[in-house]
N, C-alpha and C. Protein backbone atom coordinates (compact mmCIF):
# COMPACT_ATOMS: atom_id res chain seq x y z
N MET A 1 -246.44 -72.07 -84.38
CA MET A 1 -246.58 -73.87 -83.94
C MET A 1 -246.59 -74.32 -84.90
N ALA A 2 -245.88 -76.01 -85.53
CA ALA A 2 -246.42 -76.01 -86.84
C ALA A 2 -247.30 -76.93 -85.71
N VAL A 3 -248.45 -76.92 -87.56
CA VAL A 3 -249.92 -78.52 -87.10
C VAL A 3 -249.82 -78.74 -88.38
N GLU A 4 -250.64 -80.52 -87.32
CA GLU A 4 -250.79 -81.56 -89.27
C GLU A 4 -252.19 -81.58 -89.54
N VAL A 5 -252.65 -80.97 -90.52
CA VAL A 5 -254.11 -81.47 -90.76
C VAL A 5 -254.31 -83.08 -91.49
N SER A 6 -254.85 -83.44 -91.28
CA SER A 6 -255.18 -84.70 -91.30
C SER A 6 -256.67 -84.94 -91.32
N VAL A 7 -257.46 -85.33 -92.75
CA VAL A 7 -258.19 -86.67 -92.64
C VAL A 7 -258.82 -87.14 -91.28
N GLU A 8 -259.68 -86.76 -90.49
CA GLU A 8 -259.32 -87.76 -89.05
C GLU A 8 -261.01 -88.56 -88.55
N THR A 9 -261.53 -89.13 -88.53
CA THR A 9 -262.76 -89.32 -87.95
C THR A 9 -263.38 -88.79 -86.13
N PRO A 10 -264.21 -87.94 -86.62
CA PRO A 10 -265.03 -87.47 -85.47
C PRO A 10 -265.51 -87.92 -84.13
N LEU A 11 -264.97 -89.57 -84.03
CA LEU A 11 -265.93 -90.04 -83.36
C LEU A 11 -264.49 -90.72 -81.94
N GLN A 12 -263.91 -89.64 -81.97
CA GLN A 12 -262.33 -90.13 -80.76
C GLN A 12 -263.03 -89.13 -79.41
N ASP A 13 -262.23 -89.22 -78.57
CA ASP A 13 -262.39 -88.81 -76.98
C ASP A 13 -261.87 -87.01 -77.55
N ASP A 14 -260.18 -86.74 -77.88
CA ASP A 14 -260.19 -86.19 -78.59
C ASP A 14 -260.74 -85.22 -79.06
N VAL A 15 -261.38 -85.60 -80.21
CA VAL A 15 -261.96 -84.57 -81.32
C VAL A 15 -263.52 -84.79 -81.35
N ARG A 16 -264.52 -85.46 -79.88
CA ARG A 16 -265.57 -85.16 -78.70
C ARG A 16 -265.25 -83.89 -78.55
N GLY A 17 -264.31 -84.02 -77.64
CA GLY A 17 -263.94 -82.57 -76.95
C GLY A 17 -264.01 -81.30 -77.30
N LEU A 18 -263.13 -81.19 -78.51
CA LEU A 18 -262.97 -80.45 -79.21
C LEU A 18 -264.22 -79.70 -80.07
N VAL A 19 -265.35 -80.35 -79.79
CA VAL A 19 -266.61 -79.75 -80.83
C VAL A 19 -267.47 -79.57 -79.61
N GLU A 20 -267.03 -80.35 -78.28
CA GLU A 20 -267.69 -79.63 -77.39
C GLU A 20 -267.55 -78.73 -76.43
N GLN A 21 -265.91 -78.49 -77.08
CA GLN A 21 -265.63 -77.11 -76.94
C GLN A 21 -266.66 -76.03 -77.77
N LEU A 22 -266.21 -76.54 -78.99
CA LEU A 22 -267.02 -75.15 -79.78
C LEU A 22 -268.16 -74.77 -79.56
N ASN A 23 -269.35 -76.15 -79.07
CA ASN A 23 -270.42 -75.72 -79.25
C ASN A 23 -270.19 -74.73 -77.95
N ALA A 24 -269.54 -75.12 -76.96
CA ALA A 24 -270.03 -73.73 -75.46
C ALA A 24 -270.01 -72.42 -76.12
N HIS A 25 -268.23 -72.63 -77.00
CA HIS A 25 -267.65 -70.41 -77.99
C HIS A 25 -269.29 -70.24 -78.02
N LEU A 26 -270.20 -71.29 -78.71
CA LEU A 26 -270.92 -70.21 -79.63
C LEU A 26 -272.42 -70.13 -79.03
N LEU A 27 -272.86 -71.30 -78.09
CA LEU A 27 -274.04 -70.86 -77.29
C LEU A 27 -274.18 -69.36 -77.17
N PRO A 28 -273.02 -68.33 -76.65
CA PRO A 28 -273.57 -66.85 -76.16
C PRO A 28 -273.95 -65.95 -77.31
N LEU A 29 -272.99 -66.57 -78.02
CA LEU A 29 -273.08 -65.18 -79.38
C LEU A 29 -274.21 -65.91 -80.59
N SER A 30 -274.97 -66.28 -79.88
CA SER A 30 -276.43 -66.40 -81.18
C SER A 30 -277.94 -67.36 -80.04
N PRO A 31 -279.30 -66.74 -81.31
CA PRO A 31 -280.07 -67.78 -80.19
C PRO A 31 -279.66 -69.46 -81.26
N ILE A 32 -280.14 -69.99 -79.68
CA ILE A 32 -280.04 -71.63 -79.72
C ILE A 32 -280.68 -72.12 -80.63
N GLU A 33 -281.91 -71.44 -82.00
CA GLU A 33 -282.34 -71.75 -83.28
C GLU A 33 -281.86 -71.34 -83.90
N PHE A 34 -281.31 -70.57 -84.33
CA PHE A 34 -280.13 -70.20 -85.05
C PHE A 34 -278.27 -70.15 -84.85
N GLN A 35 -278.06 -71.82 -84.43
CA GLN A 35 -276.65 -72.12 -83.96
C GLN A 35 -277.57 -74.04 -84.87
N PHE A 36 -276.71 -73.74 -85.81
CA PHE A 36 -277.09 -74.76 -86.98
C PHE A 36 -275.63 -75.56 -86.75
N LYS A 37 -275.85 -76.76 -86.39
CA LYS A 37 -274.60 -77.76 -85.75
C LYS A 37 -275.25 -78.39 -86.09
N MET A 38 -273.61 -79.69 -86.56
CA MET A 38 -274.18 -80.99 -85.90
C MET A 38 -273.72 -81.71 -85.37
N THR A 39 -273.55 -82.97 -85.12
CA THR A 39 -273.45 -83.27 -83.78
C THR A 39 -272.16 -84.16 -84.94
N VAL A 40 -271.47 -85.46 -83.91
CA VAL A 40 -269.48 -85.52 -84.23
C VAL A 40 -270.46 -87.43 -85.05
N GLU A 41 -271.88 -87.54 -84.36
CA GLU A 41 -272.07 -88.65 -84.83
C GLU A 41 -272.79 -88.43 -86.74
N GLU A 42 -272.83 -86.63 -86.09
CA GLU A 42 -273.28 -86.56 -87.76
C GLU A 42 -272.04 -86.85 -89.01
N MET A 43 -271.45 -85.42 -88.22
CA MET A 43 -270.05 -85.44 -88.91
C MET A 43 -269.92 -86.66 -89.42
N ALA A 44 -269.97 -87.39 -88.49
CA ALA A 44 -269.27 -88.91 -89.36
C ALA A 44 -269.70 -89.26 -90.33
N GLY A 45 -271.04 -89.20 -91.24
CA GLY A 45 -271.91 -89.32 -91.89
C GLY A 45 -271.04 -89.47 -93.27
N PRO A 46 -271.20 -90.27 -94.32
CA PRO A 46 -270.04 -89.94 -96.19
C PRO A 46 -269.87 -89.56 -96.59
N GLU A 47 -271.45 -88.47 -96.44
CA GLU A 47 -271.64 -87.16 -97.07
C GLU A 47 -270.37 -86.16 -96.75
N THR A 48 -269.76 -86.31 -94.88
CA THR A 48 -269.11 -84.99 -94.85
C THR A 48 -267.51 -86.08 -94.39
N THR A 49 -266.94 -85.23 -94.87
CA THR A 49 -265.67 -85.15 -94.74
C THR A 49 -264.65 -83.92 -93.14
N VAL A 50 -263.88 -85.57 -92.04
CA VAL A 50 -263.51 -83.89 -90.92
C VAL A 50 -262.33 -84.28 -91.02
N PHE A 51 -261.20 -82.52 -90.45
CA PHE A 51 -259.90 -82.33 -90.40
C PHE A 51 -259.92 -81.80 -89.30
N ILE A 52 -258.86 -82.38 -88.43
CA ILE A 52 -257.68 -82.30 -87.54
C ILE A 52 -257.54 -82.15 -87.40
N ALA A 53 -257.12 -80.45 -86.48
CA ALA A 53 -255.52 -79.91 -87.00
C ALA A 53 -255.18 -80.15 -85.02
N ARG A 54 -253.94 -81.28 -85.89
CA ARG A 54 -253.05 -81.49 -84.51
C ARG A 54 -251.96 -81.18 -83.82
N ASP A 55 -251.12 -80.50 -82.79
CA ASP A 55 -249.92 -79.41 -83.62
C ASP A 55 -248.89 -80.70 -82.52
N GLU A 56 -247.03 -80.72 -82.61
CA GLU A 56 -246.51 -81.66 -82.63
C GLU A 56 -246.71 -82.26 -81.29
N SER A 57 -247.10 -81.66 -79.84
CA SER A 57 -247.86 -82.99 -79.40
C SER A 57 -248.64 -83.65 -79.51
N GLY A 58 -249.33 -84.08 -80.73
CA GLY A 58 -250.50 -84.69 -81.09
C GLY A 58 -251.63 -84.20 -80.59
N ARG A 59 -252.03 -83.01 -79.95
CA ARG A 59 -252.95 -82.73 -79.29
C ARG A 59 -254.29 -82.23 -80.24
N ALA A 60 -255.06 -82.17 -80.42
CA ALA A 60 -256.36 -82.04 -81.65
C ALA A 60 -256.58 -80.18 -81.11
N VAL A 61 -256.02 -79.10 -81.53
CA VAL A 61 -256.70 -78.53 -81.57
C VAL A 61 -257.25 -77.39 -82.03
N GLY A 62 -257.89 -78.10 -83.99
CA GLY A 62 -258.81 -77.13 -84.73
C GLY A 62 -259.32 -78.02 -85.58
N CYS A 63 -260.58 -78.40 -85.99
CA CYS A 63 -260.74 -78.79 -86.48
C CYS A 63 -261.71 -78.11 -87.53
N GLY A 64 -262.61 -78.58 -88.56
CA GLY A 64 -263.07 -78.14 -89.78
C GLY A 64 -263.56 -79.46 -90.64
N ALA A 65 -264.96 -79.26 -91.91
CA ALA A 65 -265.16 -80.64 -91.97
C ALA A 65 -265.88 -79.97 -92.68
N LEU A 66 -265.87 -81.11 -94.36
CA LEU A 66 -266.37 -80.50 -96.20
C LEU A 66 -267.60 -81.63 -95.78
N LYS A 67 -269.02 -80.76 -96.29
CA LYS A 67 -270.48 -81.69 -96.10
C LYS A 67 -270.49 -81.41 -97.73
N VAL A 68 -270.75 -82.74 -98.55
CA VAL A 68 -270.81 -82.29 -100.26
C VAL A 68 -272.47 -82.24 -99.47
N HIS A 69 -273.14 -81.70 -100.31
CA HIS A 69 -274.68 -81.10 -101.34
C HIS A 69 -274.87 -81.91 -102.14
N SER A 70 -274.56 -81.39 -103.08
CA SER A 70 -274.08 -82.60 -104.70
C SER A 70 -272.92 -82.43 -105.12
N PRO A 71 -273.01 -82.65 -106.26
CA PRO A 71 -272.02 -82.93 -106.91
C PRO A 71 -270.60 -81.31 -107.42
N GLU A 72 -271.77 -80.23 -107.38
CA GLU A 72 -271.71 -79.45 -106.88
C GLU A 72 -271.04 -78.37 -106.25
N VAL A 73 -271.66 -78.77 -104.79
CA VAL A 73 -271.96 -77.67 -103.66
C VAL A 73 -271.34 -78.46 -102.39
N GLY A 74 -270.37 -77.96 -101.32
CA GLY A 74 -270.55 -78.30 -100.45
C GLY A 74 -269.93 -77.17 -99.80
N GLU A 75 -270.16 -77.75 -98.61
CA GLU A 75 -270.09 -76.46 -97.15
C GLU A 75 -269.19 -77.09 -96.53
N VAL A 76 -269.20 -75.85 -95.67
CA VAL A 76 -267.62 -75.78 -94.48
C VAL A 76 -268.38 -75.92 -93.77
N LYS A 77 -268.04 -76.61 -92.62
CA LYS A 77 -268.90 -76.65 -91.08
C LYS A 77 -268.17 -76.52 -90.37
N ARG A 78 -268.65 -76.82 -89.51
CA ARG A 78 -267.46 -76.94 -87.21
C ARG A 78 -266.89 -76.64 -87.55
N MET A 79 -266.45 -75.23 -88.07
CA MET A 79 -264.79 -74.57 -87.82
C MET A 79 -264.69 -74.10 -86.41
N TYR A 80 -263.28 -74.32 -86.32
CA TYR A 80 -263.13 -74.16 -84.63
C TYR A 80 -260.91 -74.11 -84.41
N THR A 81 -260.79 -73.42 -83.97
CA THR A 81 -259.93 -74.20 -83.15
C THR A 81 -259.75 -72.85 -81.55
N LEU A 82 -258.67 -73.84 -80.68
CA LEU A 82 -258.65 -73.46 -79.70
C LEU A 82 -258.47 -72.27 -79.16
N PRO A 83 -258.84 -71.57 -78.11
CA PRO A 83 -258.12 -70.04 -78.43
C PRO A 83 -256.90 -70.05 -78.25
N GLU A 84 -255.87 -70.80 -76.97
CA GLU A 84 -254.65 -71.16 -77.49
C GLU A 84 -253.88 -70.79 -79.02
N VAL A 85 -254.34 -71.37 -79.98
CA VAL A 85 -253.73 -71.40 -81.67
C VAL A 85 -254.43 -69.92 -81.77
N ARG A 86 -255.97 -69.44 -81.61
CA ARG A 86 -255.48 -68.48 -82.48
C ARG A 86 -254.50 -67.29 -83.07
N GLY A 87 -254.55 -66.91 -84.27
CA GLY A 87 -253.69 -65.89 -84.87
C GLY A 87 -252.85 -67.03 -85.85
N LEU A 88 -252.59 -68.10 -85.28
CA LEU A 88 -250.95 -68.59 -85.31
C LEU A 88 -251.37 -69.93 -87.43
N ARG A 89 -253.34 -69.13 -87.65
CA ARG A 89 -252.81 -70.02 -88.91
C ARG A 89 -253.27 -71.04 -88.97
N VAL A 90 -254.27 -71.19 -87.82
CA VAL A 90 -254.64 -72.62 -88.42
C VAL A 90 -255.50 -72.90 -88.74
N GLY A 91 -256.27 -71.82 -88.14
CA GLY A 91 -257.88 -72.06 -89.39
C GLY A 91 -257.56 -72.01 -90.21
N SER A 92 -256.24 -71.27 -91.02
CA SER A 92 -256.43 -70.93 -92.54
C SER A 92 -255.59 -72.61 -92.95
N ALA A 93 -254.74 -72.96 -92.09
CA ALA A 93 -254.26 -74.55 -92.71
C ALA A 93 -256.24 -75.10 -92.86
N LEU A 94 -256.38 -75.36 -92.14
CA LEU A 94 -257.62 -75.71 -92.14
C LEU A 94 -258.63 -75.92 -93.42
N LEU A 95 -259.40 -74.82 -93.49
CA LEU A 95 -259.37 -74.02 -94.76
C LEU A 95 -258.98 -74.48 -95.56
N GLU A 96 -257.63 -74.42 -96.32
CA GLU A 96 -257.36 -74.85 -97.56
C GLU A 96 -257.32 -76.50 -97.64
N ALA A 97 -257.12 -76.69 -96.92
CA ALA A 97 -257.53 -78.92 -96.30
C ALA A 97 -259.44 -79.20 -96.90
N ILE A 98 -259.93 -78.50 -95.78
CA ILE A 98 -261.60 -78.40 -97.22
C ILE A 98 -261.15 -77.39 -98.45
N THR A 99 -260.80 -76.46 -99.42
CA THR A 99 -260.38 -76.66 -99.60
C THR A 99 -260.36 -77.35 -101.23
N ARG A 100 -258.55 -77.77 -101.20
CA ARG A 100 -258.59 -78.38 -102.15
C ARG A 100 -258.82 -80.00 -102.24
N LEU A 101 -259.60 -80.40 -101.42
CA LEU A 101 -260.57 -81.61 -101.59
C LEU A 101 -261.21 -80.97 -101.97
N ALA A 102 -262.70 -79.90 -101.61
CA ALA A 102 -263.62 -80.17 -102.65
C ALA A 102 -262.97 -80.07 -104.42
N GLN A 103 -262.11 -78.93 -104.39
CA GLN A 103 -262.04 -79.54 -105.60
C GLN A 103 -260.84 -80.23 -106.46
N GLY A 104 -260.46 -81.47 -105.40
CA GLY A 104 -260.53 -82.60 -105.63
C GLY A 104 -261.30 -83.47 -105.96
N LYS A 105 -263.15 -83.28 -105.41
CA LYS A 105 -263.52 -83.70 -106.07
C LYS A 105 -265.22 -83.51 -106.89
N GLY A 106 -264.70 -82.53 -107.25
CA GLY A 106 -264.57 -81.58 -108.65
C GLY A 106 -266.02 -80.90 -107.91
N LEU A 107 -265.93 -80.74 -107.17
CA LEU A 107 -266.95 -79.17 -106.60
C LEU A 107 -267.11 -78.03 -107.20
N SER A 108 -267.81 -77.05 -107.72
CA SER A 108 -267.75 -75.36 -108.72
C SER A 108 -267.70 -75.09 -106.96
N HIS A 109 -268.63 -75.11 -106.42
CA HIS A 109 -268.43 -73.96 -105.64
C HIS A 109 -268.84 -74.71 -104.08
N LEU A 110 -268.19 -73.90 -102.83
CA LEU A 110 -268.24 -73.50 -101.41
C LEU A 110 -268.65 -72.37 -100.18
N VAL A 111 -270.33 -73.45 -99.08
CA VAL A 111 -270.82 -72.74 -99.18
C VAL A 111 -270.70 -72.11 -97.81
N LEU A 112 -271.29 -71.50 -96.88
CA LEU A 112 -270.60 -71.37 -95.80
C LEU A 112 -271.76 -70.99 -94.55
N GLU A 113 -272.78 -71.54 -93.91
CA GLU A 113 -273.48 -70.10 -92.59
C GLU A 113 -272.05 -69.79 -91.23
N THR A 114 -272.54 -68.69 -91.09
CA THR A 114 -271.86 -68.38 -89.71
C THR A 114 -272.63 -67.53 -88.98
N GLY A 115 -271.88 -67.16 -87.84
CA GLY A 115 -272.94 -65.70 -87.15
C GLY A 115 -272.98 -64.35 -87.51
N THR A 116 -273.53 -63.91 -86.65
CA THR A 116 -272.65 -62.74 -87.08
C THR A 116 -272.47 -61.99 -85.20
N GLY A 117 -271.94 -60.25 -85.70
CA GLY A 117 -271.88 -60.04 -84.11
C GLY A 117 -270.63 -59.80 -83.78
N PRO A 118 -269.91 -59.25 -82.76
CA PRO A 118 -268.42 -59.29 -82.73
C PRO A 118 -267.86 -60.44 -83.00
N GLY A 119 -268.76 -61.20 -81.72
CA GLY A 119 -268.41 -62.76 -81.39
C GLY A 119 -267.57 -63.60 -83.35
N PHE A 120 -268.18 -63.41 -84.34
CA PHE A 120 -267.56 -63.55 -85.22
C PHE A 120 -266.30 -62.96 -86.39
N ALA A 121 -266.13 -62.02 -85.87
CA ALA A 121 -265.34 -61.03 -86.98
C ALA A 121 -264.62 -61.28 -87.38
N ALA A 122 -263.70 -62.87 -86.42
CA ALA A 122 -261.90 -63.45 -86.86
C ALA A 122 -262.54 -64.48 -87.87
N ALA A 123 -263.79 -65.00 -87.05
CA ALA A 123 -264.41 -66.24 -88.52
C ALA A 123 -264.26 -65.40 -89.68
N TRP A 124 -265.32 -64.31 -89.96
CA TRP A 124 -265.60 -63.11 -91.43
C TRP A 124 -264.31 -62.84 -91.61
N ARG A 125 -262.91 -62.68 -91.22
CA ARG A 125 -261.95 -62.24 -91.62
C ARG A 125 -260.77 -63.24 -92.23
N LEU A 126 -261.17 -64.59 -91.44
CA LEU A 126 -260.91 -65.83 -92.31
C LEU A 126 -261.14 -66.25 -93.04
N TYR A 127 -262.21 -66.06 -93.82
CA TYR A 127 -263.55 -66.53 -94.37
C TYR A 127 -262.99 -65.59 -95.87
N GLU A 128 -263.17 -64.17 -95.76
CA GLU A 128 -262.70 -63.20 -97.21
C GLU A 128 -260.88 -63.37 -96.60
N ARG A 129 -260.27 -63.57 -95.85
CA ARG A 129 -258.52 -63.57 -96.60
C ARG A 129 -258.70 -65.03 -97.03
N ALA A 130 -259.24 -65.91 -97.34
CA ALA A 130 -259.79 -67.58 -97.81
C ALA A 130 -260.26 -67.94 -98.92
N GLY A 131 -260.56 -65.78 -99.59
CA GLY A 131 -261.16 -65.82 -100.70
C GLY A 131 -262.56 -65.79 -101.10
N PHE A 132 -263.73 -66.99 -100.11
CA PHE A 132 -265.41 -66.20 -100.02
C PHE A 132 -265.71 -64.66 -100.17
N THR A 133 -266.70 -64.57 -100.60
CA THR A 133 -267.73 -63.27 -100.35
C THR A 133 -268.98 -63.03 -100.04
N ARG A 134 -269.18 -62.66 -99.61
CA ARG A 134 -270.89 -62.60 -98.94
C ARG A 134 -271.60 -62.97 -99.83
N CYS A 135 -271.94 -63.34 -99.58
CA CYS A 135 -274.27 -63.91 -100.18
C CYS A 135 -275.33 -63.96 -99.68
N GLY A 136 -276.05 -64.09 -100.69
CA GLY A 136 -277.39 -64.63 -100.04
C GLY A 136 -277.61 -65.71 -99.29
N VAL A 137 -278.72 -66.11 -98.88
CA VAL A 137 -279.20 -66.83 -98.60
C VAL A 137 -278.55 -68.64 -98.74
N VAL A 138 -277.60 -69.45 -98.43
CA VAL A 138 -277.92 -70.79 -99.14
C VAL A 138 -277.81 -71.61 -98.55
N LEU A 139 -278.26 -73.29 -99.74
CA LEU A 139 -278.34 -74.27 -99.26
C LEU A 139 -280.67 -74.34 -98.76
N ASP A 140 -280.24 -75.13 -97.83
CA ASP A 140 -282.17 -74.56 -96.51
C ASP A 140 -281.94 -74.20 -95.67
N TYR A 141 -280.40 -73.07 -94.85
CA TYR A 141 -281.02 -71.83 -93.86
C TYR A 141 -282.15 -70.64 -93.67
N PRO A 142 -282.65 -70.68 -93.04
CA PRO A 142 -283.13 -69.69 -92.83
C PRO A 142 -283.05 -68.00 -93.20
N ASP A 143 -283.55 -66.92 -93.74
CA ASP A 143 -282.65 -66.19 -93.76
C ASP A 143 -283.18 -65.33 -92.27
N SER A 144 -281.87 -64.50 -91.36
CA SER A 144 -282.11 -64.62 -90.50
C SER A 144 -281.10 -63.14 -90.50
N GLU A 145 -281.21 -62.51 -89.45
CA GLU A 145 -280.23 -61.22 -88.64
C GLU A 145 -279.28 -62.05 -88.05
N HIS A 146 -279.19 -63.36 -88.10
CA HIS A 146 -278.24 -63.87 -86.67
C HIS A 146 -276.62 -64.64 -87.89
N SER A 147 -277.95 -65.02 -89.59
CA SER A 147 -277.04 -65.76 -90.12
C SER A 147 -275.34 -64.77 -91.23
N ALA A 148 -274.99 -65.01 -91.74
CA ALA A 148 -274.51 -64.71 -92.17
C ALA A 148 -274.19 -65.82 -93.96
N PHE A 149 -273.76 -65.33 -94.62
CA PHE A 149 -273.62 -66.35 -95.51
C PHE A 149 -272.37 -65.86 -96.54
N PHE A 150 -271.58 -66.85 -96.80
CA PHE A 150 -269.87 -67.20 -97.86
C PHE A 150 -270.79 -67.88 -99.38
N GLU A 151 -269.29 -67.31 -99.82
CA GLU A 151 -269.94 -68.69 -101.06
C GLU A 151 -267.93 -68.05 -101.92
N LYS A 152 -267.59 -69.17 -102.53
CA LYS A 152 -266.75 -69.81 -102.80
C LYS A 152 -266.32 -69.52 -104.52
N ARG A 153 -266.00 -69.51 -105.74
CA ARG A 153 -266.13 -70.50 -106.68
C ARG A 153 -264.71 -71.29 -106.71
N LEU A 154 -264.90 -72.19 -106.62
CA LEU A 154 -263.29 -73.48 -107.59
C LEU A 154 -262.94 -73.19 -108.56
N SER A 155 -261.77 -73.41 -109.08
CA SER A 155 -261.80 -73.89 -109.92
C SER A 155 -260.96 -74.86 -110.03
N PRO A 156 -261.13 -76.48 -111.08
CA PRO A 156 -260.89 -77.39 -110.83
C PRO A 156 -258.95 -77.91 -110.25
N LEU A 157 -258.92 -78.96 -109.53
CA LEU A 157 -257.47 -78.47 -109.72
C LEU A 157 -256.92 -79.61 -110.71
N ALA A 158 -255.90 -78.71 -111.17
CA ALA A 158 -255.13 -79.35 -112.32
C ALA A 158 -254.05 -80.34 -111.95
N HIS A 159 -254.09 -81.19 -113.51
CA HIS A 159 -254.19 -82.39 -113.19
C HIS A 159 -252.01 -82.54 -113.76
């Protein structure tokens, strides 16, 4: 399946629906106090760039975001693909777009927080295949058995 990944506003009905599905997917996987969700309104903030993957019919099938925390550090947020497209490299395409943008902005370091447990195994594989490695606590997240942290050092884009 071919998908197109592009920067879009999260303030669209179909993107809101995708984020609602992401939130519902996460709800049973971790205690609510260890789910660090951004609302679509927060995702629309100036420090965050949202990527949407759309299939050939234009349907939103995945999302991911880059939130810039400093001139050096960006965070991967709100990664999700619909269950019926998992295994088709939609998540990889989103993560590649986020990484390219981070490099283009001159960031040297990408970080992310995700959950632990069997429900997150596919996410861990995605991040590790993309060159992320496990690390200690990042940003202002609490240290918890419910969170796993990953990082990736970036090299600048060649011009």
